[in-house]
Amino acid sequence: MEKDILQKERLAKLFWSWGFLSHFNVKLYDPRSVGNTRAELTDVDVLGHRVSRDLHEERICGDCKTLRNMSAINRAFWQRGVMDYLQISD
């Protein structure tokens, strides 16, 4: 069982209350990869998406930190990079 599954479920419930459908552990790949060898960059713990009233896709993502010695600011910079990669605005 994943250590952070309860965090992911809580985050997914929050996203759901905001109207987003959530997916867990979404893998991100290098778009320059070719053929069957896709280079995995990282994964997103919880990725939410919804379609707005004007039919635009909106995305949101969240990170679930589980290690005590992991730097919060490091994760914040990582999260910003993931948001940029997925074209998620603030």
PDB file of N, CA and C in Angstrom:
ATOM      1  N   MET A   1       0.840  -1.187   0.000  1.00  0.00           N
ATOM      2  CA  MET A   1       0.000   0.000   0.000  1.00  0.00           C
ATOM      3  C   MET A   1       0.887   1.252   0.000  1.00  0.00           C
ATOM      4  N   GLU A   2       0.469   2.247  -0.725  1.00  0.00           N
ATOM      5  CA  GLU A   2       1.220   3.502  -0.798  1.00  0.00           C
ATOM      6  C   GLU A   2       1.148   4.241   0.540  1.00  0.00           C
ATOM      7  N   LYS A   3       2.265   4.847   0.928  1.00  0.00           N
ATOM      8  CA  LYS A   3       2.308   5.605   2.180  1.00  0.00           C
ATOM      9  C   LYS A   3       1.394   6.824   2.135  1.00  0.00           C
ATOM     10  N   ASP A   4       1.269   7.409   0.959  1.00  0.00           N
ATOM     11  CA  ASP A   4       0.551   8.679   0.851  1.00  0.00           C
ATOM     12  C   ASP A   4      -0.866   8.554   0.289  1.00  0.00           C
ATOM     13  N   ILE A   5      -1.419   7.358   0.293  1.00  0.00           N
ATOM     14  CA  ILE A   5      -2.742   7.164  -0.329  1.00  0.00           C
ATOM     15  C   ILE A   5      -3.828   7.979   0.379  1.00  0.00           C
ATOM     16  N   LEU A   6      -3.752   8.107   1.694  1.00  0.00           N
ATOM     17  CA  LEU A   6      -4.764   8.892   2.404  1.00  0.00           C
ATOM     18  C   LEU A   6      -4.662  10.365   2.051  1.00  0.00           C
ATOM     19  N   GLN A   7      -3.421  10.873   1.897  1.00  0.00           N
ATOM     20  CA  GLN A   7      -3.236  12.259   1.463  1.00  0.00           C
ATOM     21  C   GLN A   7      -3.819  12.450   0.060  1.00  0.00           C
ATOM     22  N   LYS A   8      -3.558  11.501  -0.817  1.00  0.00           N
ATOM     23  CA  LYS A   8      -4.061  11.594  -2.193  1.00  0.00           C
ATOM     24  C   LYS A   8      -5.581  11.572  -2.224  1.00  0.00           C
ATOM     25  N   GLU A   9      -6.183  10.711  -1.424  1.00  0.00           N
ATOM     26  CA  GLU A   9      -7.651  10.646  -1.368  1.00  0.00           C
ATOM     27  C   GLU A   9      -8.240  11.956  -0.855  1.00  0.00           C
ATOM     28  N   ARG A  10      -7.622  12.537   0.161  1.00  0.00           N
ATOM     29  CA  ARG A  10      -8.119  13.812   0.696  1.00  0.00           C
ATOM     30  C   ARG A  10      -7.983  14.931  -0.334  1.00  0.00           C
ATOM     31  N   LEU A  11      -6.861  14.946  -1.033  1.00  0.00           N
ATOM     32  CA  LEU A  11      -6.654  15.959  -2.061  1.00  0.00           C
ATOM     33  C   LEU A  11      -7.640  15.772  -3.213  1.00  0.00           C
ATOM     34  N   ALA A  12      -7.898  14.530  -3.598  1.00  0.00           N
ATOM     35  CA  ALA A  12      -8.864  14.253  -4.656  1.00  0.00           C
ATOM     36  C   ALA A  12     -10.269  14.694  -4.244  1.00  0.00           C
ATOM     37  N   LYS A  13     -10.627  14.500  -2.986  1.00  0.00           N
ATOM     38  CA  LYS A  13     -11.935  14.952  -2.493  1.00  0.00           C
ATOM     39  C   LYS A  13     -12.038  16.473  -2.534  1.00  0.00           C
ATOM     40  N   LEU A  14     -10.942  17.157  -2.188  1.00  0.00           N
ATOM     41  CA  LEU A  14     -10.935  18.613  -2.279  1.00  0.00           C
ATOM     42  C   LEU A  14     -11.106  19.050  -3.731  1.00  0.00           C
ATOM     43  N   PHE A  15     -10.341  18.450  -4.628  1.00  0.00           N
ATOM     44  CA  PHE A  15     -10.471  18.771  -6.055  1.00  0.00           C
ATOM     45  C   PHE A  15     -11.894  18.505  -6.537  1.00  0.00           C
ATOM     46  N   TRP A  16     -12.496  17.390  -6.099  1.00  0.00           N
ATOM     47  CA  TRP A  16     -13.866  17.042  -6.489  1.00  0.00           C
ATOM     48  C   TRP A  16     -14.842  18.121  -6.027  1.00  0.00           C
ATOM     49  N   SER A  17     -14.631  18.644  -4.816  1.00  0.00           N
ATOM     50  CA  SER A  17     -15.528  19.691  -4.307  1.00  0.00           C
ATOM     51  C   SER A  17     -15.414  20.963  -5.145  1.00  0.00           C
ATOM     52  N   TRP A  18     -14.294  21.133  -5.844  1.00  0.00           N
ATOM     53  CA  TRP A  18     -14.103  22.275  -6.739  1.00  0.00           C
ATOM     54  C   TRP A  18     -14.532  21.950  -8.168  1.00  0.00           C
ATOM     55  N   GLY A  19     -15.043  20.736  -8.398  1.00  0.00           N
ATOM     56  CA  GLY A  19     -15.542  20.348  -9.718  1.00  0.00           C
ATOM     57  C   GLY A  19     -14.533  19.661 -10.620  1.00  0.00           C
ATOM     58  N   PHE A  20     -13.415  19.199 -10.065  1.00  0.00           N
ATOM     59  CA  PHE A  20     -12.381  18.533 -10.853  1.00  0.00           C
ATOM     60  C   PHE A  20     -12.473  17.017 -10.717  1.00  0.00           C
ATOM     61  N   LEU A  21     -12.246  16.313 -11.807  1.00  0.00           N
ATOM     62  CA  LEU A  21     -12.099  14.866 -11.804  1.00  0.00           C
ATOM     63  C   LEU A  21     -10.620  14.577 -11.585  1.00  0.00           C
ATOM     64  N   SER A  22     -10.294  13.695 -10.650  1.00  0.00           N
ATOM     65  CA  SER A  22      -8.896  13.481 -10.275  1.00  0.00           C
ATOM     66  C   SER A  22      -8.362  12.142 -10.757  1.00  0.00           C
ATOM     67  N   HIS A  23      -7.057  12.132 -11.005  1.00  0.00           N
ATOM     68  CA  HIS A  23      -6.317  10.923 -11.367  1.00  0.00           C
ATOM     69  C   HIS A  23      -5.081  10.870 -10.482  1.00  0.00           C
ATOM     70  N   PHE A  24      -4.716   9.675 -10.042  1.00  0.00           N
ATOM     71  CA  PHE A  24      -3.551   9.495  -9.173  1.00  0.00           C
ATOM     72  C   PHE A  24      -2.349   9.016  -9.978  1.00  0.00           C
ATOM     73  N   ASN A  25      -1.152   9.418  -9.530  1.00  0.00           N
ATOM     74  CA  ASN A  25       0.123   8.922 -10.061  1.00  0.00           C
ATOM     75  C   ASN A  25       0.221   9.024 -11.581  1.00  0.00           C
ATOM     76  N   VAL A  26      -0.052  10.194 -12.102  1.00  0.00           N
ATOM     77  CA  VAL A  26      -0.006  10.422 -13.547  1.00  0.00           C
ATOM     78  C   VAL A  26       1.449  10.599 -13.964  1.00  0.00           C
ATOM     79  N   LYS A  27       1.901   9.748 -14.861  1.00  0.00           N
ATOM     80  CA  LYS A  27       3.285   9.792 -15.325  1.00  0.00           C
ATOM     81  C   LYS A  27       3.450  10.886 -16.376  1.00  0.00           C
ATOM     82  N   LEU A  28       4.560  11.628 -16.277  1.00  0.00           N
ATOM     83  CA  LEU A  28       4.905  12.645 -17.259  1.00  0.00           C
ATOM     84  C   LEU A  28       6.127  12.165 -18.025  1.00  0.00           C
ATOM     85  N   TYR A  29       6.047  12.260 -19.358  1.00  0.00           N
ATOM     86  CA  TYR A  29       7.115  11.772 -20.219  1.00  0.00           C
ATOM     87  C   TYR A  29       7.736  12.913 -21.004  1.00  0.00           C
ATOM     88  N   ASP A  30       8.969  12.712 -21.413  1.00  0.00           N
ATOM     89  CA  ASP A  30       9.683  13.668 -22.251  1.00  0.00           C
ATOM     90  C   ASP A  30       9.022  13.663 -23.629  1.00  0.00           C
ATOM     91  N   PRO A  31       8.515  14.816 -24.089  1.00  0.00           N
ATOM     92  CA  PRO A  31       7.825  14.853 -25.389  1.00  0.00           C
ATOM     93  C   PRO A  31       8.764  14.592 -26.563  1.00  0.00           C
ATOM     94  N   ARG A  32      10.059  14.673 -26.321  1.00  0.00           N
ATOM     95  CA  ARG A  32      11.016  14.418 -27.404  1.00  0.00           C
ATOM     96  C   ARG A  32      11.324  12.935 -27.560  1.00  0.00           C
ATOM     97  N   SER A  33      10.780  12.087 -26.690  1.00  0.00           N
ATOM     98  CA  SER A  33      11.017  10.651 -26.780  1.00  0.00           C
ATOM     99  C   SER A  33      10.407  10.116 -28.065  1.00  0.00           C
ATOM    100  N   VAL A  34      11.067   9.151 -28.641  1.00  0.00           N
ATOM    101  CA  VAL A  34      10.572   8.555 -29.885  1.00  0.00           C
ATOM    102  C   VAL A  34      10.432   7.046 -29.719  1.00  0.00           C
ATOM    103  N   GLY A  35       9.539   6.495 -30.522  1.00  0.00           N
ATOM    104  CA  GLY A  35       9.359   5.050 -30.521  1.00  0.00           C
ATOM    105  C   GLY A  35       8.796   4.527 -29.226  1.00  0.00           C
ATOM    106  N   ASN A  36       9.209   3.310 -28.900  1.00  0.00           N
ATOM    107  CA  ASN A  36       8.702   2.638 -27.705  1.00  0.00           C
ATOM    108  C   ASN A  36       9.456   3.015 -26.440  1.00  0.00           C
ATOM    109  N   THR A  37      10.531   3.768 -26.568  1.00  0.00           N
ATOM    110  CA  THR A  37      11.330   4.138 -25.405  1.00  0.00           C
ATOM    111  C   THR A  37      10.982   5.563 -24.973  1.00  0.00           C
ATOM    112  N   ARG A  38       9.960   5.681 -24.164  1.00  0.00           N
ATOM    113  CA  ARG A  38       9.535   6.984 -23.651  1.00  0.00           C
ATOM    114  C   ARG A  38      10.238   7.233 -22.336  1.00  0.00           C
ATOM    115  N   ALA A  39      10.911   8.357 -22.240  1.00  0.00           N
ATOM    116  CA  ALA A  39      11.649   8.703 -21.030  1.00  0.00           C
ATOM    117  C   ALA A  39      10.703   9.328 -20.009  1.00  0.00           C
ATOM    118  N   GLU A  40      10.516   8.640 -18.890  1.00  0.00           N
ATOM    119  CA  GLU A  40       9.663   9.167 -17.823  1.00  0.00           C
ATOM    120  C   GLU A  40      10.408  10.262 -17.083  1.00  0.00           C
ATOM    121  N   LEU A  41       9.756  11.425 -16.934  1.00  0.00           N
ATOM    122  CA  LEU A  41      10.353  12.547 -16.227  1.00  0.00           C
ATOM    123  C   LEU A  41      10.049  12.490 -14.734  1.00  0.00           C
ATOM    124  N   THR A  42       8.790  12.319 -14.410  1.00  0.00           N
ATOM    125  CA  THR A  42       8.335  12.286 -13.018  1.00  0.00           C
ATOM    126  C   THR A  42       6.882  11.826 -13.032  1.00  0.00           C
ATOM    127  N   ASP A  43       6.243  11.866 -11.887  1.00  0.00           N
ATOM    128  CA  ASP A  43       4.803  11.609 -11.841  1.00  0.00           C
ATOM    129  C   ASP A  43       4.149  12.663 -10.963  1.00  0.00           C
ATOM    130  N   VAL A  44       2.874  12.859 -11.211  1.00  0.00           N
ATOM    131  CA  VAL A  44       2.071  13.812 -10.446  1.00  0.00           C
ATOM    132  C   VAL A  44       1.193  12.994  -9.508  1.00  0.00           C
ATOM    133  N   ASP A  45       1.242  13.301  -8.206  1.00  0.00           N
ATOM    134  CA  ASP A  45       0.459  12.525  -7.244  1.00  0.00           C
ATOM    135  C   ASP A  45      -1.036  12.604  -7.544  1.00  0.00           C
ATOM    136  N   VAL A  46      -1.561  13.813  -7.701  1.00  0.00           N
ATOM    137  CA  VAL A  46      -2.982  13.988  -8.010  1.00  0.00           C
ATOM    138  C   VAL A  46      -3.105  15.064  -9.087  1.00  0.00           C
ATOM    139  N   LEU A  47      -3.703  14.689 -10.195  1.00  0.00           N
ATOM    140  CA  LEU A  47      -3.952  15.614 -11.295  1.00  0.00           C
ATOM    141  C   LEU A  47      -5.456  15.699 -11.495  1.00  0.00           C
ATOM    142  N   GLY A  48      -5.979  16.912 -11.468  1.00  0.00           N
ATOM    143  CA  GLY A  48      -7.413  17.113 -11.675  1.00  0.00           C
ATOM    144  C   GLY A  48      -7.659  17.900 -12.941  1.00  0.00           C
ATOM    145  N   HIS A  49      -8.782  17.594 -13.570  1.00  0.00           N
ATOM    146  CA  HIS A  49      -9.168  18.388 -14.742  1.00  0.00           C
ATOM    147  C   HIS A  49     -10.686  18.529 -14.775  1.00  0.00           C
ATOM    148  N   ARG A  50     -11.106  19.606 -15.402  1.00  0.00           N
ATOM    149  CA  ARG A  50     -12.530  19.856 -15.604  1.00  0.00           C
ATOM    150  C   ARG A  50     -12.672  20.692 -16.867  1.00  0.00           C
ATOM    151  N   VAL A  51     -13.867  20.718 -17.400  1.00  0.00           N
ATOM    152  CA  VAL A  51     -14.167  21.547 -18.562  1.00  0.00           C
ATOM    153  C   VAL A  51     -15.008  22.719 -18.062  1.00  0.00           C
ATOM    154  N   SER A  52     -14.548  23.926 -18.360  1.00  0.00           N
ATOM    155  CA  SER A  52     -15.249  25.119 -17.895  1.00  0.00           C
ATOM    156  C   SER A  52     -16.516  25.353 -18.721  1.00  0.00           C
ATOM    157  N   ARG A  53     -17.308  26.293 -18.311  1.00  0.00           N
ATOM    158  CA  ARG A  53     -18.560  26.589 -19.021  1.00  0.00           C
ATOM    159  C   ARG A  53     -18.319  27.066 -20.446  1.00  0.00           C
ATOM    160  N   ASP A  54     -17.157  27.682 -20.676  1.00  0.00           N
ATOM    161  CA  ASP A  54     -16.837  28.129 -22.042  1.00  0.00           C
ATOM    162  C   ASP A  54     -16.028  27.071 -22.800  1.00  0.00           C
ATOM    163  N   LEU A  55     -16.078  25.812 -22.316  1.00  0.00           N
ATOM    164  CA  LEU A  55     -15.490  24.633 -22.951  1.00  0.00           C
ATOM    165  C   LEU A  55     -13.967  24.659 -23.042  1.00  0.00           C
ATOM    166  N   HIS A  56     -13.328  25.275 -22.070  1.00  0.00           N
ATOM    167  CA  HIS A  56     -11.875  25.218 -21.974  1.00  0.00           C
ATOM    168  C   HIS A  56     -11.498  24.222 -20.878  1.00  0.00           C
ATOM    169  N   GLU A  57     -10.434  23.469 -21.129  1.00  0.00           N
ATOM    170  CA  GLU A  57      -9.976  22.527 -20.117  1.00  0.00           C
ATOM    171  C   GLU A  57      -9.186  23.273 -19.048  1.00  0.00           C
ATOM    172  N   GLU A  58      -9.495  22.969 -17.803  1.00  0.00           N
ATOM    173  CA  GLU A  58      -8.765  23.529 -16.672  1.00  0.00           C
ATOM    174  C   GLU A  58      -8.101  22.371 -15.938  1.00  0.00           C
ATOM    175  N   ARG A  59      -6.873  22.589 -15.497  1.00  0.00           N
ATOM    176  CA  ARG A  59      -6.134  21.558 -14.774  1.00  0.00           C
ATOM    177  C   ARG A  59      -5.638  22.098 -13.446  1.00  0.00           C
ATOM    178  N   ILE A  60      -5.439  21.160 -12.525  1.00  0.00           N
ATOM    179  CA  ILE A  60      -4.901  21.466 -11.207  1.00  0.00           C
ATOM    180  C   ILE A  60      -4.094  20.238 -10.787  1.00  0.00           C
ATOM    181  N   CYS A  61      -3.047  20.441 -10.026  1.00  0.00           N
ATOM    182  CA  CYS A  61      -2.270  19.282  -9.582  1.00  0.00           C
ATOM    183  C   CYS A  61      -1.798  19.488  -8.156  1.00  0.00           C
ATOM    184  N   GLY A  62      -1.513  18.385  -7.493  1.00  0.00           N
ATOM    185  CA  GLY A  62      -1.052  18.450  -6.117  1.00  0.00           C
ATOM    186  C   GLY A  62      -0.007  17.396  -5.822  1.00  0.00           C
ATOM    187  N   ASP A  63       0.847  17.726  -4.890  1.00  0.00           N
ATOM    188  CA  ASP A  63       1.933  16.852  -4.468  1.00  0.00           C
ATOM    189  C   ASP A  63       1.679  16.413  -3.034  1.00  0.00           C
ATOM    190  N   CYS A  64       1.917  15.157  -2.750  1.00  0.00           N
ATOM    191  CA  CYS A  64       1.746  14.632  -1.393  1.00  0.00           C
ATOM    192  C   CYS A  64       3.108  14.250  -0.851  1.00  0.00           C
ATOM    193  N   LYS A  65       3.619  15.053   0.063  1.00  0.00           N
ATOM    194  CA  LYS A  65       4.945  14.857   0.650  1.00  0.00           C
ATOM    195  C   LYS A  65       4.859  13.812   1.756  1.00  0.00           C
ATOM    196  N   THR A  66       5.750  12.834   1.719  1.00  0.00           N
ATOM    197  CA  THR A  66       5.702  11.784   2.736  1.00  0.00           C
ATOM    198  C   THR A  66       6.973  11.678   3.563  1.00  0.00           C
ATOM    199  N   LEU A  67       8.089  12.188   3.074  1.00  0.00           N
ATOM    200  CA  LEU A  67       9.350  12.049   3.803  1.00  0.00           C
ATOM    201  C   LEU A  67       9.599  13.270   4.682  1.00  0.00           C
ATOM    202  N   ARG A  68       9.924  13.041   5.921  1.00  0.00           N
ATOM    203  CA  ARG A  68      10.141  14.134   6.867  1.00  0.00           C
ATOM    204  C   ARG A  68      11.334  14.999   6.495  1.00  0.00           C
ATOM    205  N   ASN A  69      12.379  14.388   5.967  1.00  0.00           N
ATOM    206  CA  ASN A  69      13.584  15.146   5.666  1.00  0.00           C
ATOM    207  C   ASN A  69      13.562  15.783   4.279  1.00  0.00           C
ATOM    208  N   MET A  70      12.438  15.705   3.589  1.00  0.00           N
ATOM    209  CA  MET A  70      12.313  16.300   2.264  1.00  0.00           C
ATOM    210  C   MET A  70      12.028  17.799   2.406  1.00  0.00           C
ATOM    211  N   SER A  71      12.776  18.598   1.690  1.00  0.00           N
ATOM    212  CA  SER A  71      12.647  20.045   1.769  1.00  0.00           C
ATOM    213  C   SER A  71      11.328  20.521   1.146  1.00  0.00           C
ATOM    214  N   ALA A  72      10.558  21.284   1.910  1.00  0.00           N
ATOM    215  CA  ALA A  72       9.285  21.818   1.405  1.00  0.00           C
ATOM    216  C   ALA A  72       9.516  22.789   0.251  1.00  0.00           C
ATOM    217  N   ILE A  73      10.557  23.604   0.342  1.00  0.00           N
ATOM    218  CA  ILE A  73      10.813  24.565  -0.740  1.00  0.00           C
ATOM    219  C   ILE A  73      11.259  23.838  -2.004  1.00  0.00           C
ATOM    220  N   ASN A  74      11.999  22.746  -1.844  1.00  0.00           N
ATOM    221  CA  ASN A  74      12.388  21.929  -2.990  1.00  0.00           C
ATOM    222  C   ASN A  74      11.150  21.389  -3.695  1.00  0.00           C
ATOM    223  N   ARG A  75      10.195  20.890  -2.919  1.00  0.00           N
ATOM    224  CA  ARG A  75       8.945  20.360  -3.499  1.00  0.00           C
ATOM    225  C   ARG A  75       8.132  21.478  -4.154  1.00  0.00           C
ATOM    226  N   ALA A  76       8.163  22.682  -3.571  1.00  0.00           N
ATOM    227  CA  ALA A  76       7.433  23.815  -4.152  1.00  0.00           C
ATOM    228  C   ALA A  76       8.012  24.178  -5.521  1.00  0.00           C
ATOM    229  N   PHE A  77       9.339  24.187  -5.630  1.00  0.00           N
ATOM    230  CA  PHE A  77       9.956  24.460  -6.929  1.00  0.00           C
ATOM    231  C   PHE A  77       9.648  23.346  -7.919  1.00  0.00           C
ATOM    232  N   TRP A  78       9.674  22.109  -7.459  1.00  0.00           N
ATOM    233  CA  TRP A  78       9.321  20.968  -8.313  1.00  0.00           C
ATOM    234  C   TRP A  78       7.882  21.131  -8.811  1.00  0.00           C
ATOM    235  N   GLN A  79       6.976  21.487  -7.887  1.00  0.00           N
ATOM    236  CA  GLN A  79       5.562  21.654  -8.242  1.00  0.00           C
ATOM    237  C   GLN A  79       5.387  22.747  -9.297  1.00  0.00           C
ATOM    238  N   ARG A  80       6.092  23.859  -9.150  1.00  0.00           N
ATOM    239  CA  ARG A  80       6.027  24.947 -10.127  1.00  0.00           C
ATOM    240  C   ARG A  80       6.479  24.458 -11.505  1.00  0.00           C
ATOM    241  N   GLY A  81       7.530  23.653 -11.531  1.00  0.00           N
ATOM    242  CA  GLY A  81       8.014  23.091 -12.789  1.00  0.00           C
ATOM    243  C   GLY A  81       6.990  22.173 -13.432  1.00  0.00           C
ATOM    244  N   VAL A  82       6.324  21.343 -12.620  1.00  0.00           N
ATOM    245  CA  VAL A  82       5.274  20.465 -13.144  1.00  0.00           C
ATOM    246  C   VAL A  82       4.112  21.298 -13.691  1.00  0.00           C
ATOM    247  N   MET A  83       3.741  22.338 -12.964  1.00  0.00           N
ATOM    248  CA  MET A  83       2.643  23.193 -13.416  1.00  0.00           C
ATOM    249  C   MET A  83       2.998  23.874 -14.742  1.00  0.00           C
ATOM    250  N   ASP A  84       4.235  24.335 -14.876  1.00  0.00           N
ATOM    251  CA  ASP A  84       4.668  24.928 -16.137  1.00  0.00           C
ATOM    252  C   ASP A  84       4.626  23.908 -17.263  1.00  0.00           C
ATOM    253  N   TYR A  85       5.111  22.704 -16.988  1.00  0.00           N
ATOM    254  CA  TYR A  85       5.131  21.629 -17.985  1.00  0.00           C
ATOM    255  C   TYR A  85       3.714  21.301 -18.466  1.00  0.00           C
ATOM    256  N   LEU A  86       2.760  21.287 -17.532  1.00  0.00           N
ATOM    257  CA  LEU A  86       1.367  20.950 -17.852  1.00  0.00           C
ATOM    258  C   LEU A  86       0.540  22.181 -18.239  1.00  0.00           C
ATOM    259  N   GLN A  87       1.178  23.339 -18.279  1.00  0.00           N
ATOM    260  CA  GLN A  87       0.526  24.590 -18.619  1.00  0.00           C
ATOM    261  C   GLN A  87      -0.655  24.881 -17.683  1.00  0.00           C
ATOM    262  N   ILE A  88      -0.388  24.733 -16.382  1.00  0.00           N
ATOM    263  CA  ILE A  88      -1.373  25.031 -15.349  1.00  0.00           C
ATOM    264  C   ILE A  88      -1.067  26.421 -14.816  1.00  0.00           C
ATOM    265  N   SER A  89      -2.040  27.301 -14.886  1.00  0.00           N
ATOM    266  CA  SER A  89      -1.823  28.649 -14.365  1.00  0.00           C
ATOM    267  C   SER A  89      -2.151  28.683 -12.878  1.00  0.00           C
ATOM    268  N   ASP A  90      -1.713  29.749 -12.207  1.00  0.00           N
ATOM    269  CA  ASP A  90      -1.953  29.890 -10.763  1.00  0.00           C
ATOM    270  C   ASP A  90      -3.421  30.048 -10.470  1.00  0.00           C
TER     271      ASP A  90
END
